[in-house]
Protein backbone atom coordinates (compact mmCIF):
# COMPACT_ATOMS: atom_id res chain seq x y z
CA MET A 1 16.40 -20.09 -31.02
CA SER A 2 17.36 -17.33 -28.59
CA HIS A 3 15.73 -13.92 -28.96
CA PRO A 4 17.39 -10.58 -28.23
CA VAL A 5 14.58 -9.71 -25.81
CA VAL A 6 11.43 -11.37 -24.48
CA PHE A 7 8.68 -9.55 -22.58
CA LEU A 8 6.97 -11.35 -19.70
CA VAL A 9 3.83 -9.57 -18.49
CA ASP A 10 1.60 -10.37 -15.53
CA VAL A 11 -2.22 -10.19 -15.65
CA ASP A 12 -3.90 -9.26 -12.36
CA ASN A 13 -3.45 -5.58 -11.45
CA THR A 14 -0.87 -5.33 -14.21
CA LEU A 15 -2.99 -5.53 -17.36
CA LEU A 16 -6.44 -5.63 -15.78
CA ASP A 17 -7.98 -4.32 -12.57
CA ASN A 18 -8.33 -7.43 -10.45
CA ASP A 19 -9.14 -5.40 -7.35
CA ALA A 20 -12.30 -4.25 -9.14
CA PHE A 21 -13.17 -7.87 -9.88
CA GLN A 22 -12.80 -8.77 -6.21
CA THR A 23 -15.10 -5.91 -5.28
CA ASP A 24 -17.69 -7.15 -7.78
CA VAL A 25 -17.47 -10.68 -6.37
CA ARG A 26 -18.09 -9.40 -2.85
CA ARG A 27 -21.02 -7.25 -3.96
CA HIS A 28 -22.59 -10.08 -5.95
CA LEU A 29 -22.24 -12.52 -3.05
CA GLU A 30 -23.86 -10.08 -0.64
CA ARG A 31 -26.66 -9.19 -3.05
CA GLU A 32 -27.50 -12.78 -3.98
CA PHE A 33 -26.61 -14.72 -0.82
CA GLY A 34 -26.21 -12.25 2.03
CA ALA A 35 -23.37 -10.72 4.03
CA GLU A 36 -22.74 -13.90 6.03
CA CYS A 37 -22.12 -15.88 2.85
CA ARG A 38 -19.91 -13.11 1.48
CA ASP A 39 -17.77 -13.06 4.60
CA ARG A 40 -17.48 -16.85 4.86
CA TYR A 41 -16.57 -17.24 1.20
CA TRP A 42 -13.87 -14.59 1.49
CA SER A 43 -12.51 -16.19 4.64
CA ILE A 44 -12.13 -19.45 2.70
CA GLN A 45 -10.60 -17.48 -0.15
CA GLU A 46 -7.97 -15.97 2.15
CA ASP A 47 -7.14 -19.38 3.63
CA LEU A 48 -6.63 -20.80 0.15
CA PHE A 49 -4.52 -17.81 -0.85
CA ALA A 50 -2.24 -18.40 2.12
CA GLU A 51 -2.06 -22.09 1.27
CA LEU A 52 -1.60 -21.87 -2.49
CA GLY A 53 -0.04 -18.46 -3.09
CA TYR A 54 -2.67 -17.45 -5.66
CA ARG A 55 -6.39 -16.66 -5.69
CA ASP A 56 -8.47 -19.79 -6.29
CA TYR A 57 -11.97 -18.40 -6.78
CA LEU A 58 -13.59 -21.61 -7.94
CA GLY A 59 -11.75 -23.68 -5.35
CA ALA A 60 -13.06 -21.41 -2.60
CA LEU A 61 -16.56 -21.74 -4.02
CA GLN A 62 -16.25 -25.53 -3.97
CA ARG A 63 -15.11 -25.50 -0.34
CA TYR A 64 -18.01 -23.24 0.57
CA ARG A 65 -20.39 -25.60 -1.19
CA VAL A 66 -19.10 -28.53 0.89
CA GLU A 67 -20.19 -26.57 3.95
CA HIS A 68 -23.62 -25.86 2.39
CA PRO A 69 -24.46 -28.90 0.23
CA GLN A 70 -28.19 -28.07 0.05
CA ASP A 71 -27.72 -24.53 -1.25
CA ILE A 72 -28.49 -25.21 -4.92
CA HIS A 73 -28.77 -21.49 -5.70
CA LEU A 74 -25.08 -21.20 -4.93
CA LEU A 75 -24.28 -22.89 -8.25
CA SER A 76 -25.18 -19.67 -10.07
CA MET A 77 -22.10 -18.06 -8.54
CA SER A 78 -19.83 -20.16 -10.71
CA SER A 79 -21.51 -18.78 -13.82
CA PHE A 80 -21.00 -15.23 -12.54
CA MET A 81 -17.28 -15.88 -12.23
CA VAL A 82 -16.67 -17.94 -15.35
CA ASP A 83 -18.70 -15.61 -17.60
CA TYR A 84 -17.44 -12.37 -16.07
CA PRO A 85 -16.66 -9.70 -18.74
CA PHE A 86 -12.97 -9.33 -17.93
CA ALA A 87 -12.34 -7.26 -21.05
CA ASP A 88 -14.17 -4.43 -19.24
CA LEU A 89 -11.46 -4.43 -16.57
CA LEU A 90 -8.47 -3.94 -18.85
CA TYR A 91 -6.46 -0.89 -17.88
CA PRO A 92 -6.50 1.94 -20.45
CA ARG A 93 -4.22 1.19 -23.42
CA ALA A 94 -3.04 -2.11 -21.91
CA LEU A 95 -3.48 -3.83 -25.27
CA GLU A 96 -1.46 -1.07 -26.93
CA VAL A 97 1.39 -1.78 -24.53
CA LEU A 98 1.32 -5.46 -25.51
CA ALA A 99 1.26 -4.53 -29.20
CA ARG A 100 4.28 -2.25 -28.70
CA PHE A 101 6.14 -5.02 -26.90
CA ARG A 102 5.27 -7.50 -29.65
CA SER A 103 6.77 -5.16 -32.24
CA TRP A 104 10.07 -5.52 -30.37
CA GLY A 105 10.08 -9.20 -29.44
CA PRO A 106 8.09 -12.22 -28.23
CA THR A 107 5.57 -11.13 -25.62
CA VAL A 108 4.27 -13.67 -23.14
CA ILE A 109 1.57 -13.55 -20.48
CA LEU A 110 3.24 -14.87 -17.30
CA SER A 111 0.80 -15.46 -14.47
CA ASP A 112 0.05 -17.48 -11.35
CA GLY A 113 -3.28 -19.21 -10.94
CA ASP A 114 -5.43 -22.29 -11.07
CA VAL A 115 -5.83 -24.51 -14.09
CA VAL A 116 -9.37 -23.44 -15.02
CA PHE A 117 -10.29 -19.91 -13.92
CA GLN A 118 -7.06 -18.08 -14.68
CA PRO A 119 -6.88 -19.31 -18.31
CA ARG A 120 -10.54 -18.37 -18.67
CA LYS A 121 -9.78 -14.86 -17.40
CA VAL A 122 -6.92 -14.49 -19.87
CA GLU A 123 -9.14 -15.63 -22.72
CA ARG A 124 -12.23 -13.54 -21.90
CA SER A 125 -10.18 -10.41 -21.31
CA GLY A 126 -8.76 -10.60 -24.82
CA LEU A 127 -5.21 -11.07 -23.55
CA PHE A 128 -4.88 -14.56 -25.04
CA ALA A 129 -5.56 -13.21 -28.51
CA ALA A 130 -3.38 -10.14 -27.93
CA VAL A 131 -0.29 -12.32 -27.44
CA GLU A 132 -1.37 -14.97 -29.96
CA GLY A 133 -1.74 -17.65 -27.31
CA GLN A 134 1.69 -17.22 -25.76
CA VAL A 135 0.47 -17.71 -22.20
CA LEU A 136 2.25 -19.34 -19.26
CA ILE A 137 0.34 -19.94 -16.02
CA TYR A 138 2.18 -21.55 -13.12
CA ILE A 139 1.39 -22.28 -9.49
CA HIS A 140 4.42 -20.21 -8.48
CA LYS A 141 5.92 -18.50 -11.50
CA GLU A 142 8.98 -17.27 -9.61
CA ARG A 143 9.88 -20.93 -9.05
CA SER A 144 9.43 -21.77 -12.73
CA LEU A 145 11.88 -19.36 -14.34
CA ASP A 146 14.03 -22.19 -15.71
CA ASP A 147 10.99 -23.48 -17.57
CA VAL A 148 10.16 -19.99 -18.82
CA ALA A 149 13.72 -19.57 -20.13
CA ARG A 150 13.58 -22.99 -21.79
CA ARG A 151 10.36 -22.12 -23.61
CA PHE A 152 11.39 -18.55 -24.47
CA PRO A 153 15.20 -18.28 -24.47
CA ALA A 154 16.50 -14.71 -24.66
CA ARG A 155 19.58 -12.63 -24.05
CA HIS A 156 17.46 -10.18 -22.06
CA TYR A 157 14.04 -10.24 -20.40
CA VAL A 158 11.67 -7.45 -19.45
CA VAL A 159 9.32 -8.54 -16.64
CA VAL A 160 6.29 -6.40 -15.81
CA ASP A 161 4.47 -7.30 -12.58
CA ASP A 162 2.56 -5.49 -9.83
CA LYS A 163 4.10 -7.68 -7.09
CA ILE A 164 7.49 -6.46 -5.96
CA ARG A 165 8.10 -9.85 -4.32
CA ILE A 166 7.95 -11.50 -7.74
CA LEU A 167 10.20 -8.88 -9.30
CA ALA A 168 12.78 -9.30 -6.55
CA ALA A 169 12.79 -13.08 -7.04
CA VAL A 170 13.24 -12.71 -10.80
CA LYS A 171 16.09 -10.23 -10.28
CA ARG A 172 17.87 -12.63 -7.94
CA MET A 173 17.59 -15.37 -10.53
CA TRP A 174 18.44 -13.47 -13.71
CA GLY A 175 20.44 -10.46 -12.52
CA GLU A 176 21.48 -8.11 -15.30
CA ARG A 177 19.70 -10.27 -17.87
CA VAL A 178 16.38 -8.80 -16.75
CA THR A 179 14.73 -5.41 -16.42
CA THR A 180 12.08 -5.50 -13.71
CA VAL A 181 9.14 -3.12 -14.09
CA LEU A 182 6.60 -2.31 -11.38
CA PRO A 183 3.31 -0.65 -12.41
CA ARG A 184 1.98 0.95 -9.23
CA GLN A 185 -1.54 -0.40 -9.67
CA GLY A 186 -3.57 -2.44 -7.22
CA GLN A 187 -3.34 -3.27 -3.56
CA TYR A 188 0.10 -4.90 -3.54
CA ALA A 189 1.88 -2.23 -5.56
CA ARG A 190 0.50 0.46 -3.21
CA ASP A 191 1.39 -1.32 0.03
CA THR A 192 4.20 0.89 1.35
CA ALA A 193 5.28 -1.61 4.01
CA LEU A 194 5.50 -4.37 1.43
CA LEU A 195 7.38 -2.18 -1.02
CA ALA A 196 9.90 -1.29 1.68
CA SER A 197 10.60 -4.97 2.31
CA PHE A 198 12.19 -5.63 -1.08
CA PRO A 199 14.80 -4.01 -3.34
CA HIS A 200 13.57 -1.37 -5.74
CA PRO A 201 12.66 -2.60 -9.23
CA ASP A 202 14.67 -1.32 -12.18
CA LEU A 203 11.73 0.79 -13.27
CA SER A 204 8.51 1.93 -11.61
CA VAL A 205 5.62 3.55 -13.45
CA ALA A 206 2.31 4.89 -12.19
CA ARG A 207 0.25 3.04 -14.83
CA ILE A 208 0.80 0.34 -17.38
CA ASP A 209 0.24 2.75 -20.27
CA ASP A 210 3.14 4.90 -19.05
CA LEU A 211 5.34 2.27 -20.70
CA LEU A 212 4.28 3.65 -24.07
CA ALA A 213 6.67 6.53 -23.33
CA TYR A 214 9.69 4.21 -23.35
CA ASP A 215 11.81 2.92 -26.21
CA LEU A 216 13.18 -0.61 -26.42
CA SER A 217 16.69 0.67 -25.71
CA ASP A 218 15.40 2.23 -22.49
CA LEU A 219 13.79 -0.97 -21.28
CA VAL A 220 16.71 -3.28 -21.95
CA ALA A 221 19.11 -0.93 -20.16
CA SER A 222 18.64 -2.73 -16.85
CA GLY A 223 18.49 -0.37 -13.90
CA ASP A 224 18.77 2.73 -16.07
CA ALA A 225 15.43 2.92 -17.88
CA LYS A 226 14.37 6.46 -18.80
CA PRO A 227 11.37 7.66 -20.81
CA ARG A 228 11.80 9.27 -24.21
CA ASN A 229 10.10 12.34 -22.83
CA ALA A 230 9.79 12.97 -19.11
CA GLN A 231 6.52 14.80 -19.69
CA GLU A 232 5.04 11.67 -21.28
CA ALA A 233 5.75 9.52 -18.21
CA ARG A 234 3.19 11.45 -16.14
């Protein structure tokens, strides 16, 4: 069954403040294990990010542990990550945006990530429940659009993501069938050099909750999305 419109919404720095989580991880590592541990863990994290294309927090922790097999205290770090209160990092009114989308059509969490930590983040943040379990997590989601379309066929898609690289890839694949939306939140969406390297998205908003100022007809009008009230768009 094909739907008139399907909403595909990213997680990190789109619905929740992942930059804040990274800051908390660094602070916790320094407080519990020292600055040297913090720096080495993050170096491993960056290497994995370059290799995988997504943040593998638990994978980096495992690699660090291989380097320090006698550091039993390090095991507590996994609990800090797995039990982190991600609901506290949701952007204001992010759940309202999902509810608005769901009133218009199927709304799906579309994310990159590992097979353990990213689903845990989606669950603990309340996002899993907010979309009634309609969650897709790929290694590289921009390479999995055929699978997304097979699972959620639609005449039109609205994709909301903080990474302009992802939005550009989706636009190349789906063309006028998609409205690409960039919330200017987080480190990637504020990187002016990165933003200049890709075509403009169909719509850019300062914050995720700015989308509450748009009607469905605005969002499906690819490349010509306008708020109901310019004053509401902040």
